[in-house]
């Protein structure tokens, strides 16, 4: 294990401004290889994978009363 490298990296990270640290965290912890929620929703809509739900009966109506 390269302890000197790790210690140097820690010193560099502590010397960063708040803005620089935020950018570093974003780059390290945000995996942009995954699709966003809106992209997944659009894919599901375009692929018609949930079309079968239109044939399902409505279980609840406005006349059912207050939610439990």
C-alpha atoms as a PDB file:
ATOM      1  CA  UNK A   1       0.000   0.000   0.000  1.00  0.00           C
ATOM      2  CA  UNK A   2       1.292   3.439  -0.917  1.00  0.00           C
ATOM      3  CA  UNK A   3       0.812   5.271   2.377  1.00  0.00           C
ATOM      4  CA  UNK A   4       2.735   8.360   1.263  1.00  0.00           C
ATOM      5  CA  UNK A   5       0.444   8.775  -1.746  1.00  0.00           C
ATOM      6  CA  UNK A   6      -2.669   8.434   0.403  1.00  0.00           C
ATOM      7  CA  UNK A   7      -1.369  10.975   2.917  1.00  0.00           C
ATOM      8  CA  UNK A   8      -0.503  13.390   0.103  1.00  0.00           C
ATOM      9  CA  UNK A   9      -3.967  13.036  -1.394  1.00  0.00           C
ATOM     10  CA  UNK A  10      -5.564  13.723   1.979  1.00  0.00           C
ATOM     11  CA  UNK A  11      -3.491  16.894   2.378  1.00  0.00           C
ATOM     12  CA  UNK A  12      -4.455  18.034  -1.111  1.00  0.00           C
ATOM     13  CA  UNK A  13      -8.146  17.351  -0.479  1.00  0.00           C
ATOM     14  CA  UNK A  14      -8.053  19.299   2.791  1.00  0.00           C
ATOM     15  CA  UNK A  15      -6.445  22.221   0.963  1.00  0.00           C
ATOM     16  CA  UNK A  16      -9.313  22.471  -1.550  1.00  0.00           C
ATOM     17  CA  UNK A  17     -11.943  25.167  -1.326  1.00  0.00           C
ATOM     18  CA  UNK A  18     -15.542  24.172  -0.594  1.00  0.00           C
ATOM     19  CA  UNK A  19     -16.402  24.602  -4.274  1.00  0.00           C
ATOM     20  CA  UNK A  20     -13.487  22.406  -5.337  1.00  0.00           C
ATOM     21  CA  UNK A  21     -14.429  19.739  -2.802  1.00  0.00           C
ATOM     22  CA  UNK A  22     -17.998  19.729  -4.072  1.00  0.00           C
ATOM     23  CA  UNK A  23     -16.758  19.217  -7.605  1.00  0.00           C
ATOM     24  CA  UNK A  24     -14.476  16.407  -6.449  1.00  0.00           C
ATOM     25  CA  UNK A  25     -17.323  14.686  -4.579  1.00  0.00           C
ATOM     26  CA  UNK A  26     -19.584  15.009  -7.597  1.00  0.00           C
ATOM     27  CA  UNK A  27     -16.983  13.444  -9.848  1.00  0.00           C
ATOM     28  CA  UNK A  28     -16.152  10.660  -7.397  1.00  0.00           C
ATOM     29  CA  UNK A  29     -19.601   9.692  -6.178  1.00  0.00           C
ATOM     30  CA  UNK A  30     -21.953  10.504  -9.053  1.00  0.00           C
ATOM     31  CA  UNK A  31     -21.987   7.750 -11.634  1.00  0.00           C
ATOM     32  CA  UNK A  32     -23.229   9.367 -14.818  1.00  0.00           C
ATOM     33  CA  UNK A  33     -23.185   6.051 -16.667  1.00  0.00           C
ATOM     34  CA  UNK A  34     -26.657   5.363 -15.258  1.00  0.00           C
ATOM     35  CA  UNK A  35     -29.729   6.842 -16.867  1.00  0.00           C
ATOM     36  CA  UNK A  36     -31.608   9.558 -15.043  1.00  0.00           C
ATOM     37  CA  UNK A  37     -35.148   9.030 -13.755  1.00  0.00           C
ATOM     38  CA  UNK A  38     -36.700  11.081 -16.587  1.00  0.00           C
ATOM     39  CA  UNK A  39     -34.738   9.024 -19.131  1.00  0.00           C
ATOM     40  CA  UNK A  40     -35.993   5.772 -17.596  1.00  0.00           C
ATOM     41  CA  UNK A  41     -39.561   7.085 -17.590  1.00  0.00           C
ATOM     42  CA  UNK A  42     -39.304   8.048 -21.247  1.00  0.00           C
ATOM     43  CA  UNK A  43     -37.888   4.626 -22.124  1.00  0.00           C
ATOM     44  CA  UNK A  44     -40.745   2.877 -20.309  1.00  0.00           C
ATOM     45  CA  UNK A  45     -43.278   5.092 -22.073  1.00  0.00           C
ATOM     46  CA  UNK A  46     -41.794   4.557 -25.522  1.00  0.00           C
ATOM     47  CA  UNK A  47     -41.361   0.802 -25.080  1.00  0.00           C
ATOM     48  CA  UNK A  48     -45.001   0.366 -23.956  1.00  0.00           C
ATOM     49  CA  UNK A  49     -43.947  -2.121 -21.255  1.00  0.00           C
ATOM     50  CA  UNK A  50     -46.719  -0.960 -18.931  1.00  0.00           C
ATOM     51  CA  UNK A  51     -49.503  -0.903 -21.515  1.00  0.00           C
ATOM     52  CA  UNK A  52     -51.078  -3.961 -19.863  1.00  0.00           C
ATOM     53  CA  UNK A  53     -52.039  -1.750 -16.926  1.00  0.00           C
ATOM     54  CA  UNK A  54     -54.613   0.046 -19.074  1.00  0.00           C
ATOM     55  CA  UNK A  55     -56.604  -3.207 -19.160  1.00  0.00           C
ATOM     56  CA  UNK A  56     -56.514  -3.612 -15.381  1.00  0.00           C
ATOM     57  CA  UNK A  57     -59.636  -2.608 -13.472  1.00  0.00           C
ATOM     58  CA  UNK A  58     -59.531   0.542 -11.376  1.00  0.00           C
ATOM     59  CA  UNK A  59     -59.383  -0.611  -7.759  1.00  0.00           C
ATOM     60  CA  UNK A  60     -60.175   2.755  -6.246  1.00  0.00           C
ATOM     61  CA  UNK A  61     -62.429   5.608  -7.238  1.00  0.00           C
ATOM     62  CA  UNK A  62     -63.113   9.072  -5.876  1.00  0.00           C
ATOM     63  CA  UNK A  63     -66.260   7.676  -4.213  1.00  0.00           C
ATOM     64  CA  UNK A  64     -64.261   5.231  -2.057  1.00  0.00           C
ATOM     65  CA  UNK A  65     -63.939   7.737   0.771  1.00  0.00           C
ATOM     66  CA  UNK A  66     -60.964   8.904   2.753  1.00  0.00           C
ATOM     67  CA  UNK A  67     -57.675   7.011   2.623  1.00  0.00           C
ATOM     68  CA  UNK A  68     -56.815   4.858   5.611  1.00  0.00           C
END
